[in-house]
Amino acid sequence: TETRLPVQFDPMTLETLGIYDYDDGPGDRLPGPISIAHPHFDF
């Protein structure tokens, strides 16, 4: 959605697996409540 709280799920069972926590990732911190629902990927 458009907050910083994307939700993980299992594509086979559609079971919800919890929040993807940006703060758990290594590297820079990402403060702020609002993000975007359309990230890009550079192949």
PDB file of all heavy atoms in Angstrom:
ATOM      1  N   THR A   1       0.874  -1.158   0.000  1.00  0.00           N
ATOM      2  CA  THR A   1       0.000   0.000   0.000  1.00  0.00           C
ATOM      3  C   THR A   1       0.920   1.218   0.000  1.00  0.00           C
ATOM      4  O   THR A   1       2.096   1.104  -0.344  1.00  0.00           O
ATOM      5  CB  THR A   1      -0.963  -0.010   1.200  1.00  0.00           C
ATOM      6  OG1 THR A   1      -1.846   1.110   1.088  1.00  0.00           O
ATOM      7  CG2 THR A   1      -0.237   0.043   2.533  1.00  0.00           C
ATOM      8  N   GLU A   2       0.411   2.392   0.388  1.00  0.00           N
ATOM      9  CA  GLU A   2       1.224   3.600   0.282  1.00  0.00           C
ATOM     10  C   GLU A   2       1.857   4.013   1.615  1.00  0.00           C
ATOM     11  O   GLU A   2       2.310   5.137   1.756  1.00  0.00           O
ATOM     12  CB  GLU A   2       0.385   4.740  -0.301  1.00  0.00           C
ATOM     13  CG  GLU A   2       0.000   4.462  -1.739  1.00  0.00           C
ATOM     14  CD  GLU A   2      -0.813   5.561  -2.371  1.00  0.00           C
ATOM     15  OE1 GLU A   2      -1.622   6.194  -1.671  1.00  0.00           O
ATOM     16  OE2 GLU A   2      -0.658   5.771  -3.584  1.00  0.00           O
ATOM     17  N   THR A   3       1.906   3.096   2.572  1.00  0.00           N
ATOM     18  CA  THR A   3       2.667   3.339   3.790  1.00  0.00           C
ATOM     19  C   THR A   3       3.942   2.494   3.739  1.00  0.00           C
ATOM     20  O   THR A   3       4.165   1.736   2.794  1.00  0.00           O
ATOM     21  CB  THR A   3       1.870   2.971   5.053  1.00  0.00           C
ATOM     22  OG1 THR A   3       1.741   1.535   5.127  1.00  0.00           O
ATOM     23  CG2 THR A   3       0.486   3.609   5.027  1.00  0.00           C
ATOM     24  N   ARG A   4       4.752   2.601   4.773  1.00  0.00           N
ATOM     25  CA  ARG A   4       6.015   1.854   4.840  1.00  0.00           C
ATOM     26  C   ARG A   4       5.815   0.425   5.337  1.00  0.00           C
ATOM     27  O   ARG A   4       6.751  -0.222   5.814  1.00  0.00           O
ATOM     28  CB  ARG A   4       7.012   2.563   5.751  1.00  0.00           C
ATOM     29  CG  ARG A   4       6.563   2.704   7.203  1.00  0.00           C
ATOM     30  CD  ARG A   4       7.648   3.241   8.115  1.00  0.00           C
ATOM     31  NE  ARG A   4       8.748   2.292   8.257  1.00  0.00           N
ATOM     32  CZ  ARG A   4      10.011   2.568   7.930  1.00  0.00           C
ATOM     33  NH1 ARG A   4      10.336   3.766   7.458  1.00  0.00           N
ATOM     34  NH2 ARG A   4      10.964   1.667   8.093  1.00  0.00           N
ATOM     35  N   LEU A   5       4.600  -0.122   5.240  1.00  0.00           N
ATOM     36  CA  LEU A   5       4.285  -1.421   5.819  1.00  0.00           C
ATOM     37  C   LEU A   5       3.819  -2.434   4.774  1.00  0.00           C
ATOM     38  O   LEU A   5       2.679  -2.905   4.814  1.00  0.00           O
ATOM     39  CB  LEU A   5       3.205  -1.270   6.906  1.00  0.00           C
ATOM     40  CG  LEU A   5       3.522  -0.357   8.078  1.00  0.00           C
ATOM     41  CD1 LEU A   5       2.329  -0.260   9.024  1.00  0.00           C
ATOM     42  CD2 LEU A   5       4.763  -0.824   8.821  1.00  0.00           C
ATOM     43  N   PRO A   6       4.665  -2.801   3.803  1.00  0.00           N
ATOM     44  CA  PRO A   6       4.283  -3.887   2.908  1.00  0.00           C
ATOM     45  C   PRO A   6       4.176  -5.199   3.677  1.00  0.00           C
ATOM     46  O   PRO A   6       4.873  -5.409   4.667  1.00  0.00           O
ATOM     47  CB  PRO A   6       5.423  -3.924   1.884  1.00  0.00           C
ATOM     48  CG  PRO A   6       6.585  -3.299   2.578  1.00  0.00           C
ATOM     49  CD  PRO A   6       6.011  -2.284   3.519  1.00  0.00           C
ATOM     50  N   VAL A   7       3.285  -6.073   3.232  1.00  0.00           N
ATOM     51  CA  VAL A   7       3.002  -7.319   3.952  1.00  0.00           C
ATOM     52  C   VAL A   7       3.441  -8.508   3.107  1.00  0.00           C
ATOM     53  O   VAL A   7       3.055  -8.650   1.947  1.00  0.00           O
ATOM     54  CB  VAL A   7       1.501  -7.427   4.292  1.00  0.00           C
ATOM     55  CG1 VAL A   7       1.192  -8.777   4.939  1.00  0.00           C
ATOM     56  CG2 VAL A   7       1.089  -6.288   5.232  1.00  0.00           C
ATOM     57  N   GLN A   8       4.242  -9.388   3.706  1.00  0.00           N
ATOM     58  CA  GLN A   8       4.717 -10.594   3.031  1.00  0.00           C
ATOM     59  C   GLN A   8       3.618 -11.659   3.023  1.00  0.00           C
ATOM     60  O   GLN A   8       2.821 -11.754   3.951  1.00  0.00           O
ATOM     61  CB  GLN A   8       5.926 -11.156   3.763  1.00  0.00           C
ATOM     62  CG  GLN A   8       7.073 -10.184   3.952  1.00  0.00           C
ATOM     63  CD  GLN A   8       8.133 -10.748   4.874  1.00  0.00           C
ATOM     64  OE1 GLN A   8       8.519 -11.911   4.765  1.00  0.00           O
ATOM     65  NE2 GLN A   8       8.613  -9.935   5.804  1.00  0.00           N
ATOM     66  N   PHE A   9       3.631 -12.497   1.974  1.00  0.00           N
ATOM     67  CA  PHE A   9       2.708 -13.629   1.945  1.00  0.00           C
ATOM     68  C   PHE A   9       3.313 -14.755   1.117  1.00  0.00           C
ATOM     69  O   PHE A   9       4.242 -14.557   0.327  1.00  0.00           O
ATOM     70  CB  PHE A   9       1.337 -13.221   1.404  1.00  0.00           C
ATOM     71  CG  PHE A   9       1.318 -12.866  -0.061  1.00  0.00           C
ATOM     72  CD1 PHE A   9       0.997 -13.804  -1.025  1.00  0.00           C
ATOM     73  CD2 PHE A   9       1.617 -11.572  -0.477  1.00  0.00           C
ATOM     74  CE1 PHE A   9       0.987 -13.487  -2.374  1.00  0.00           C
ATOM     75  CE2 PHE A   9       1.603 -11.233  -1.825  1.00  0.00           C
ATOM     76  CZ  PHE A   9       1.294 -12.195  -2.783  1.00  0.00           C
ATOM     77  N   ASP A  10       2.769 -15.946   1.312  1.00  0.00           N
ATOM     78  CA  ASP A  10       3.201 -17.134   0.578  1.00  0.00           C
ATOM     79  C   ASP A  10       2.389 -17.214  -0.712  1.00  0.00           C
ATOM     80  O   ASP A  10       1.156 -17.327  -0.662  1.00  0.00           O
ATOM     81  CB  ASP A  10       2.955 -18.380   1.432  1.00  0.00           C
ATOM     82  CG  ASP A  10       3.465 -19.660   0.788  1.00  0.00           C
ATOM     83  OD1 ASP A  10       3.379 -19.779  -0.454  1.00  0.00           O
ATOM     84  OD2 ASP A  10       3.936 -20.546   1.517  1.00  0.00           O
ATOM     85  N   PRO A  11       3.026 -17.156  -1.889  1.00  0.00           N
ATOM     86  CA  PRO A  11       2.265 -17.145  -3.134  1.00  0.00           C
ATOM     87  C   PRO A  11       1.537 -18.455  -3.419  1.00  0.00           C
ATOM     88  O   PRO A  11       0.578 -18.470  -4.191  1.00  0.00           O
ATOM     89  CB  PRO A  11       3.335 -16.878  -4.198  1.00  0.00           C
ATOM     90  CG  PRO A  11       4.604 -17.354  -3.591  1.00  0.00           C
ATOM     91  CD  PRO A  11       4.480 -17.078  -2.124  1.00  0.00           C
ATOM     92  N   MET A  12       1.964 -19.560  -2.803  1.00  0.00           N
ATOM     93  CA  MET A  12       1.327 -20.847  -3.038  1.00  0.00           C
ATOM     94  C   MET A  12       0.059 -21.005  -2.203  1.00  0.00           C
ATOM     95  O   MET A  12      -0.955 -21.500  -2.689  1.00  0.00           O
ATOM     96  CB  MET A  12       2.301 -21.981  -2.725  1.00  0.00           C
ATOM     97  CG  MET A  12       3.600 -21.916  -3.524  1.00  0.00           C
ATOM     98  SD  MET A  12       3.341 -21.913  -5.319  1.00  0.00           S
ATOM     99  CE  MET A  12       2.629 -23.542  -5.542  1.00  0.00           C
ATOM    100  N   THR A  13       0.121 -20.575  -0.931  1.00  0.00           N
ATOM    101  CA  THR A  13      -1.012 -20.778  -0.024  1.00  0.00           C
ATOM    102  C   THR A  13      -1.790 -19.498   0.256  1.00  0.00           C
ATOM    103  O   THR A  13      -2.885 -19.552   0.819  1.00  0.00           O
ATOM    104  CB  THR A  13      -0.515 -21.331   1.319  1.00  0.00           C
ATOM    105  OG1 THR A  13       0.314 -20.336   1.959  1.00  0.00           O
ATOM    106  CG2 THR A  13       0.303 -22.601   1.117  1.00  0.00           C
ATOM    107  N   LEU A  14      -1.221 -18.348  -0.094  1.00  0.00           N
ATOM    108  CA  LEU A  14      -1.757 -17.017   0.227  1.00  0.00           C
ATOM    109  C   LEU A  14      -1.771 -16.749   1.726  1.00  0.00           C
ATOM    110  O   LEU A  14      -2.473 -15.853   2.204  1.00  0.00           O
ATOM    111  CB  LEU A  14      -3.167 -16.822  -0.358  1.00  0.00           C
ATOM    112  CG  LEU A  14      -3.296 -17.015  -1.868  1.00  0.00           C
ATOM    113  CD1 LEU A  14      -4.715 -16.667  -2.325  1.00  0.00           C
ATOM    114  CD2 LEU A  14      -2.283 -16.177  -2.621  1.00  0.00           C
ATOM    115  N   GLU A  15      -0.983 -17.502   2.466  1.00  0.00           N
ATOM    116  CA  GLU A  15      -0.860 -17.265   3.908  1.00  0.00           C
ATOM    117  C   GLU A  15      -0.082 -15.971   4.158  1.00  0.00           C
ATOM    118  O   GLU A  15       0.977 -15.745   3.561  1.00  0.00           O
ATOM    119  CB  GLU A  15      -0.141 -18.422   4.576  1.00  0.00           C
ATOM    120  CG  GLU A  15       0.078 -18.226   6.081  1.00  0.00           C
ATOM    121  CD  GLU A  15       0.939 -19.301   6.697  1.00  0.00           C
ATOM    122  OE1 GLU A  15       1.380 -20.215   5.954  1.00  0.00           O
ATOM    123  OE2 GLU A  15       1.191 -19.229   7.920  1.00  0.00           O
ATOM    124  N   THR A  16      -0.590 -15.131   5.047  1.00  0.00           N
ATOM    125  CA  THR A  16       0.089 -13.893   5.419  1.00  0.00           C
ATOM    126  C   THR A  16       1.256 -14.207   6.338  1.00  0.00           C
ATOM    127  O   THR A  16       1.122 -14.960   7.303  1.00  0.00           O
ATOM    128  CB  THR A  16      -0.891 -12.935   6.113  1.00  0.00           C
ATOM    129  OG1 THR A  16      -1.979 -12.658   5.210  1.00  0.00           O
ATOM    130  CG2 THR A  16      -0.210 -11.625   6.482  1.00  0.00           C
ATOM    131  N   LEU A  17       2.429 -13.594   6.054  1.00  0.00           N
ATOM    132  CA  LEU A  17       3.655 -13.910   6.788  1.00  0.00           C
ATOM    133  C   LEU A  17       4.196 -12.736   7.592  1.00  0.00           C
ATOM    134  O   LEU A  17       5.273 -12.845   8.173  1.00  0.00           O
ATOM    135  CB  LEU A  17       4.731 -14.392   5.802  1.00  0.00           C
ATOM    136  CG  LEU A  17       4.354 -15.621   4.964  1.00  0.00           C
ATOM    137  CD1 LEU A  17       5.463 -15.937   3.972  1.00  0.00           C
ATOM    138  CD2 LEU A  17       4.058 -16.820   5.851  1.00  0.00           C
ATOM    139  N   GLY A  18       3.479 -11.623   7.638  1.00  0.00           N
ATOM    140  CA  GLY A  18       3.911 -10.504   8.460  1.00  0.00           C
ATOM    141  C   GLY A  18       4.488  -9.348   7.657  1.00  0.00           C
ATOM    142  O   GLY A  18       4.665  -9.425   6.436  1.00  0.00           O
ATOM    143  N   ILE A  19       4.802  -8.274   8.358  1.00  0.00           N
ATOM    144  CA  ILE A  19       5.312  -7.052   7.743  1.00  0.00           C
ATOM    145  C   ILE A  19       6.722  -7.261   7.205  1.00  0.00           C
ATOM    146  O   ILE A  19       7.556  -7.905   7.848  1.00  0.00           O
ATOM    147  CB  ILE A  19       5.324  -5.896   8.769  1.00  0.00           C
ATOM    148  CG1 ILE A  19       3.900  -5.570   9.230  1.00  0.00           C
ATOM    149  CG2 ILE A  19       6.000  -4.651   8.193  1.00  0.00           C
ATOM    150  CD1 ILE A  19       3.010  -5.010   8.155  1.00  0.00           C
ATOM    151  N   TYR A  20       6.991  -6.704   6.020  1.00  0.00           N
ATOM    152  CA  TYR A  20       8.375  -6.586   5.556  1.00  0.00           C
ATOM    153  C   TYR A  20       8.961  -5.375   6.264  1.00  0.00           C
ATOM    154  O   TYR A  20       8.554  -4.236   6.004  1.00  0.00           O
ATOM    155  CB  TYR A  20       8.447  -6.408   4.040  1.00  0.00           C
ATOM    156  CG  TYR A  20       9.873  -6.251   3.523  1.00  0.00           C
ATOM    157  CD1 TYR A  20      10.565  -7.333   3.016  1.00  0.00           C
ATOM    158  CD2 TYR A  20      10.527  -5.022   3.574  1.00  0.00           C
ATOM    159  CE1 TYR A  20      11.866  -7.215   2.561  1.00  0.00           C
ATOM    160  CE2 TYR A  20      11.833  -4.883   3.130  1.00  0.00           C
ATOM    161  CZ  TYR A  20      12.494  -5.979   2.619  1.00  0.00           C
ATOM    162  OH  TYR A  20      13.784  -5.841   2.171  1.00  0.00           O
ATOM    163  N   ASP A  21       9.897  -5.607   7.160  1.00  0.00           N
ATOM    164  CA  ASP A  21      10.434  -4.535   8.003  1.00  0.00           C
ATOM    165  C   ASP A  21      11.709  -3.967   7.382  1.00  0.00           C
ATOM    166  O   ASP A  21      12.751  -4.623   7.373  1.00  0.00           O
ATOM    167  CB  ASP A  21      10.724  -5.080   9.401  1.00  0.00           C
ATOM    168  CG  ASP A  21      11.027  -3.976  10.405  1.00  0.00           C
ATOM    169  OD1 ASP A  21      11.251  -2.829   9.970  1.00  0.00           O
ATOM    170  OD2 ASP A  21      11.034  -4.269  11.612  1.00  0.00           O
ATOM    171  N   TYR A  22      11.613  -2.745   6.863  1.00  0.00           N
ATOM    172  CA  TYR A  22      12.794  -2.104   6.294  1.00  0.00           C
ATOM    173  C   TYR A  22      13.917  -1.979   7.337  1.00  0.00           C
ATOM    174  O   TYR A  22      15.095  -2.053   6.999  1.00  0.00           O
ATOM    175  CB  TYR A  22      12.439  -0.710   5.765  1.00  0.00           C
ATOM    176  CG  TYR A  22      11.549  -0.699   4.552  1.00  0.00           C
ATOM    177  CD1 TYR A  22      10.178  -0.499   4.676  1.00  0.00           C
ATOM    178  CD2 TYR A  22      12.071  -0.880   3.276  1.00  0.00           C
ATOM    179  CE1 TYR A  22       9.357  -0.482   3.557  1.00  0.00           C
ATOM    180  CE2 TYR A  22      11.257  -0.854   2.156  1.00  0.00           C
ATOM    181  CZ  TYR A  22       9.893  -0.658   2.304  1.00  0.00           C
ATOM    182  OH  TYR A  22       9.068  -0.640   1.196  1.00  0.00           O
ATOM    183  N   ASP A  23      13.536  -1.793   8.593  1.00  0.00           N
ATOM    184  CA  ASP A  23      14.536  -1.577   9.639  1.00  0.00           C
ATOM    185  C   ASP A  23      15.341  -2.837   9.946  1.00  0.00           C
ATOM    186  O   ASP A  23      16.385  -2.771  10.604  1.00  0.00           O
ATOM    187  CB  ASP A  23      13.866  -1.079  10.918  1.00  0.00           C
ATOM    188  CG  ASP A  23      13.309   0.327  10.754  1.00  0.00           C
ATOM    189  OD1 ASP A  23      13.798   1.042   9.870  1.00  0.00           O
ATOM    190  OD2 ASP A  23      12.388   0.693  11.502  1.00  0.00           O
ATOM    191  N   ASP A  24      14.858  -4.008   9.474  1.00  0.00           N
ATOM    192  CA  ASP A  24      15.610  -5.247   9.690  1.00  0.00           C
ATOM    193  C   ASP A  24      16.723  -5.439   8.672  1.00  0.00           C
ATOM    194  O   ASP A  24      17.612  -6.266   8.868  1.00  0.00           O
ATOM    195  CB  ASP A  24      14.666  -6.456   9.608  1.00  0.00           C
ATOM    196  CG  ASP A  24      13.901  -6.661  10.911  1.00  0.00           C
ATOM    197  OD1 ASP A  24      14.249  -5.998  11.901  1.00  0.00           O
ATOM    198  OD2 ASP A  24      12.956  -7.456  10.925  1.00  0.00           O
ATOM    199  N   GLY A  25      16.680  -4.680   7.584  1.00  0.00           N
ATOM    200  CA  GLY A  25      17.667  -4.852   6.531  1.00  0.00           C
ATOM    201  C   GLY A  25      18.974  -4.166   6.863  1.00  0.00           C
ATOM    202  O   GLY A  25      19.004  -3.147   7.567  1.00  0.00           O
ATOM    203  N   PRO A  26      20.099  -4.696   6.359  1.00  0.00           N
ATOM    204  CA  PRO A  26      21.386  -4.032   6.588  1.00  0.00           C
ATOM    205  C   PRO A  26      21.488  -2.744   5.783  1.00  0.00           C
ATOM    206  O   PRO A  26      20.864  -2.592   4.741  1.00  0.00           O
ATOM    207  CB  PRO A  26      22.397  -5.075   6.074  1.00  0.00           C
ATOM    208  CG  PRO A  26      21.641  -5.860   5.051  1.00  0.00           C
ATOM    209  CD  PRO A  26      20.231  -5.922   5.545  1.00  0.00           C
ATOM    210  N   GLY A  27      22.266  -1.802   6.307  1.00  0.00           N
ATOM    211  CA  GLY A  27      22.485  -0.561   5.577  1.00  0.00           C
ATOM    212  C   GLY A  27      21.753   0.612   6.190  1.00  0.00           C
ATOM    213  O   GLY A  27      21.455   0.634   7.387  1.00  0.00           O
ATOM    214  N   ASP A  28      21.464   1.612   5.373  1.00  0.00           N
ATOM    215  CA  ASP A  28      20.898   2.872   5.844  1.00  0.00           C
ATOM    216  C   ASP A  28      19.490   2.697   6.404  1.00  0.00           C
ATOM    217  O   ASP A  28      18.707   1.870   5.935  1.00  0.00           O
ATOM    218  CB  ASP A  28      20.854   3.890   4.695  1.00  0.00           C
ATOM    219  CG  ASP A  28      22.229   4.288   4.204  1.00  0.00           C
ATOM    220  OD1 ASP A  28      23.190   4.174   5.000  1.00  0.00           O
ATOM    221  OD2 ASP A  28      22.360   4.690   3.037  1.00  0.00           O
ATOM    222  N   ARG A  29      19.175   3.505   7.403  1.00  0.00           N
ATOM    223  CA  ARG A  29      17.822   3.545   7.970  1.00  0.00           C
ATOM    224  C   ARG A  29      16.914   4.350   7.047  1.00  0.00           C
ATOM    225  O   ARG A  29      17.352   5.246   6.326  1.00  0.00           O
ATOM    226  CB  ARG A  29      17.833   4.185   9.353  1.00  0.00           C
ATOM    227  CG  ARG A  29      18.698   3.503  10.392  1.00  0.00           C
ATOM    228  CD  ARG A  29      18.205   2.083  10.694  1.00  0.00           C
ATOM    229  NE  ARG A  29      18.797   1.082   9.810  1.00  0.00           N
ATOM    230  CZ  ARG A  29      18.354  -0.151   9.665  1.00  0.00           C
ATOM    231  NH1 ARG A  29      17.296  -0.547  10.334  1.00  0.00           N
ATOM    232  NH2 ARG A  29      18.958  -0.995   8.860  1.00  0.00           N
ATOM    233  N   LEU A  30      15.612   4.028   7.098  1.00  0.00           N
ATOM    234  CA  LEU A  30      14.646   4.670   6.206  1.00  0.00           C
ATOM    235  C   LEU A  30      13.476   5.205   7.016  1.00  0.00           C
ATOM    236  O   LEU A  30      12.396   4.604   7.046  1.00  0.00           O
ATOM    237  CB  LEU A  30      14.161   3.663   5.160  1.00  0.00           C
ATOM    238  CG  LEU A  30      15.245   3.060   4.256  1.00  0.00           C
ATOM    239  CD1 LEU A  30      14.675   1.915   3.446  1.00  0.00           C
ATOM    240  CD2 LEU A  30      15.832   4.128   3.355  1.00  0.00           C
ATOM    241  N   PRO A  31      13.635   6.345   7.676  1.00  0.00           N
ATOM    242  CA  PRO A  31      12.534   6.905   8.458  1.00  0.00           C
ATOM    243  C   PRO A  31      11.441   7.471   7.567  1.00  0.00           C
ATOM    244  O   PRO A  31      11.694   7.877   6.432  1.00  0.00           O
ATOM    245  CB  PRO A  31      13.219   8.008   9.267  1.00  0.00           C
ATOM    246  CG  PRO A  31      14.370   8.427   8.420  1.00  0.00           C
ATOM    247  CD  PRO A  31      14.852   7.179   7.748  1.00  0.00           C
ATOM    248  N   GLY A  32      10.244   7.505   8.099  1.00  0.00           N
ATOM    249  CA  GLY A  32       9.122   8.105   7.392  1.00  0.00           C
ATOM    250  C   GLY A  32       7.955   7.153   7.278  1.00  0.00           C
ATOM    251  O   GLY A  32       8.137   5.942   7.098  1.00  0.00           O
ATOM    252  N   PRO A  33       6.717   7.671   7.368  1.00  0.00           N
ATOM    253  CA  PRO A  33       5.532   6.808   7.341  1.00  0.00           C
ATOM    254  C   PRO A  33       5.034   6.468   5.943  1.00  0.00           C
ATOM    255  O   PRO A  33       4.303   5.496   5.770  1.00  0.00           O
ATOM    256  CB  PRO A  33       4.484   7.653   8.074  1.00  0.00           C
ATOM    257  CG  PRO A  33       4.869   9.072   7.740  1.00  0.00           C
ATOM    258  CD  PRO A  33       6.381   9.070   7.689  1.00  0.00           C
ATOM    259  N   ILE A  34       5.390   7.274   4.932  1.00  0.00           N
ATOM    260  CA  ILE A  34       4.806   7.128   3.607  1.00  0.00           C
ATOM    261  C   ILE A  34       5.844   6.594   2.630  1.00  0.00           C
ATOM    262  O   ILE A  34       6.975   7.068   2.577  1.00  0.00           O
ATOM    263  CB  ILE A  34       4.263   8.484   3.091  1.00  0.00           C
ATOM    264  CG1 ILE A  34       3.223   9.047   4.073  1.00  0.00           C
ATOM    265  CG2 ILE A  34       3.659   8.335   1.700  1.00  0.00           C
ATOM    266  CD1 ILE A  34       2.023   8.155   4.284  1.00  0.00           C
ATOM    267  N   SER A  35       5.440   5.586   1.854  1.00  0.00           N
ATOM    268  CA  SER A  35       6.296   5.092   0.790  1.00  0.00           C
ATOM    269  C   SER A  35       5.464   4.990  -0.474  1.00  0.00           C
ATOM    270  O   SER A  35       4.497   5.739  -0.649  1.00  0.00           O
ATOM    271  CB  SER A  35       6.920   3.745   1.173  1.00  0.00           C
ATOM    272  OG  SER A  35       7.897   3.362   0.233  1.00  0.00           O
ATOM    273  N   ILE A  36       5.806   4.067  -1.353  1.00  0.00           N
ATOM    274  CA  ILE A  36       5.145   4.005  -2.649  1.00  0.00           C
ATOM    275  C   ILE A  36       4.779   2.565  -2.955  1.00  0.00           C
ATOM    276  O   ILE A  36       5.462   1.628  -2.541  1.00  0.00           O
ATOM    277  CB  ILE A  36       6.073   4.610  -3.730  1.00  0.00           C
ATOM    278  CG1 ILE A  36       5.287   5.104  -4.932  1.00  0.00           C
ATOM    279  CG2 ILE A  36       7.155   3.623  -4.131  1.00  0.00           C
ATOM    280  CD1 ILE A  36       6.080   6.059  -5.796  1.00  0.00           C
ATOM    281  N   ALA A  37       3.664   2.383  -3.667  1.00  0.00           N
ATOM    282  CA  ALA A  37       3.186   1.034  -3.984  1.00  0.00           C
ATOM    283  C   ALA A  37       3.777   0.497  -5.277  1.00  0.00           C
ATOM    284  O   ALA A  37       3.468  -0.630  -5.672  1.00  0.00           O
ATOM    285  CB  ALA A  37       1.665   1.036  -4.078  1.00  0.00           C
ATOM    286  N   HIS A  38       4.623   1.279  -5.945  1.00  0.00           N
ATOM    287  CA  HIS A  38       5.205   0.871  -7.221  1.00  0.00           C
ATOM    288  C   HIS A  38       6.723   1.052  -7.224  1.00  0.00           C
ATOM    289  O   HIS A  38       7.240   1.955  -7.880  1.00  0.00           O
ATOM    290  CB  HIS A  38       4.588   1.684  -8.362  1.00  0.00           C
ATOM    291  CG  HIS A  38       3.137   1.417  -8.583  1.00  0.00           C
ATOM    292  ND1 HIS A  38       2.669   0.214  -9.056  1.00  0.00           N
ATOM    293  CD2 HIS A  38       2.049   2.199  -8.402  1.00  0.00           C
ATOM    294  CE1 HIS A  38       1.346   0.265  -9.154  1.00  0.00           C
ATOM    295  NE2 HIS A  38       0.950   1.449  -8.759  1.00  0.00           N
ATOM    296  N   PRO A  39       7.449   0.217  -6.498  1.00  0.00           N
ATOM    297  CA  PRO A  39       8.911   0.278  -6.589  1.00  0.00           C
ATOM    298  C   PRO A  39       9.360  -0.173  -7.971  1.00  0.00           C
ATOM    299  O   PRO A  39       8.618  -0.845  -8.695  1.00  0.00           O
ATOM    300  CB  PRO A  39       9.370  -0.703  -5.509  1.00  0.00           C
ATOM    301  CG  PRO A  39       8.243  -1.685  -5.399  1.00  0.00           C
ATOM    302  CD  PRO A  39       6.995  -0.880  -5.621  1.00  0.00           C
ATOM    303  N   HIS A  40      10.574   0.204  -8.347  1.00  0.00           N
ATOM    304  CA  HIS A  40      11.165  -0.238  -9.616  1.00  0.00           C
ATOM    305  C   HIS A  40      12.236  -1.280  -9.354  1.00  0.00           C
ATOM    306  O   HIS A  40      12.800  -1.354  -8.256  1.00  0.00           O
ATOM    307  CB  HIS A  40      11.779   0.941 -10.357  1.00  0.00           C
ATOM    308  CG  HIS A  40      10.809   1.695 -11.216  1.00  0.00           C
ATOM    309  ND1 HIS A  40      10.273   1.146 -12.363  1.00  0.00           N
ATOM    310  CD2 HIS A  40      10.284   2.943 -11.108  1.00  0.00           C
ATOM    311  CE1 HIS A  40       9.456   2.032 -12.921  1.00  0.00           C
ATOM    312  NE2 HIS A  40       9.442   3.116 -12.177  1.00  0.00           N
ATOM    313  N   PHE A  41      12.543  -2.048 -10.406  1.00  0.00           N
ATOM    314  CA  PHE A  41      13.663  -2.982 -10.328  1.00  0.00           C
ATOM    315  C   PHE A  41      14.540  -2.816 -11.560  1.00  0.00           C
ATOM    316  O   PHE A  41      14.047  -2.806 -12.694  1.00  0.00           O
ATOM    317  CB  PHE A  41      13.181  -4.430 -10.238  1.00  0.00           C
ATOM    318  CG  PHE A  41      14.302  -5.407  -9.999  1.00  0.00           C
ATOM    319  CD1 PHE A  41      14.868  -5.524  -8.746  1.00  0.00           C
ATOM    320  CD2 PHE A  41      14.814  -6.173 -11.031  1.00  0.00           C
ATOM    321  CE1 PHE A  41      15.917  -6.404  -8.511  1.00  0.00           C
ATOM    322  CE2 PHE A  41      15.856  -7.061 -10.817  1.00  0.00           C
ATOM    323  CZ  PHE A  41      16.410  -7.179  -9.545  1.00  0.00           C
ATOM    324  N   ASP A  42      15.846  -2.660 -11.322  1.00  0.00           N
ATOM    325  CA  ASP A  42      16.837  -2.555 -12.382  1.00  0.00           C
ATOM    326  C   ASP A  42      17.464  -3.938 -12.557  1.00  0.00           C
ATOM    327  O   ASP A  42      18.188  -4.418 -11.684  1.00  0.00           O
ATOM    328  CB  ASP A  42      17.896  -1.519 -11.996  1.00  0.00           C
ATOM    329  CG  ASP A  42      18.889  -1.240 -13.104  1.00  0.00           C
ATOM    330  OD1 ASP A  42      19.332  -2.213 -13.749  1.00  0.00           O
ATOM    331  OD2 ASP A  42      19.242  -0.068 -13.316  1.00  0.00           O
ATOM    332  N   PHE A  43      17.175  -4.585 -13.672  1.00  0.00           N
ATOM    333  CA  PHE A  43      17.623  -5.961 -13.886  1.00  0.00           C
ATOM    334  C   PHE A  43      19.132  -6.035 -14.062  1.00  0.00           C
ATOM    335  O   PHE A  43      19.757  -7.036 -13.684  1.00  0.00           O
ATOM    336  CB  PHE A  43      16.904  -6.554 -15.102  1.00  0.00           C
ATOM    337  CG  PHE A  43      15.439  -6.789 -14.870  1.00  0.00           C
ATOM    338  CD1 PHE A  43      14.509  -5.806 -15.165  1.00  0.00           C
ATOM    339  CD2 PHE A  43      14.993  -7.987 -14.346  1.00  0.00           C
ATOM    340  CE1 PHE A  43      13.153  -6.012 -14.951  1.00  0.00           C
ATOM    341  CE2 PHE A  43      13.638  -8.209 -14.121  1.00  0.00           C
ATOM    342  CZ  PHE A  43      12.719  -7.218 -14.429  1.00  0.00           C
TER     343      PHE A  43
END
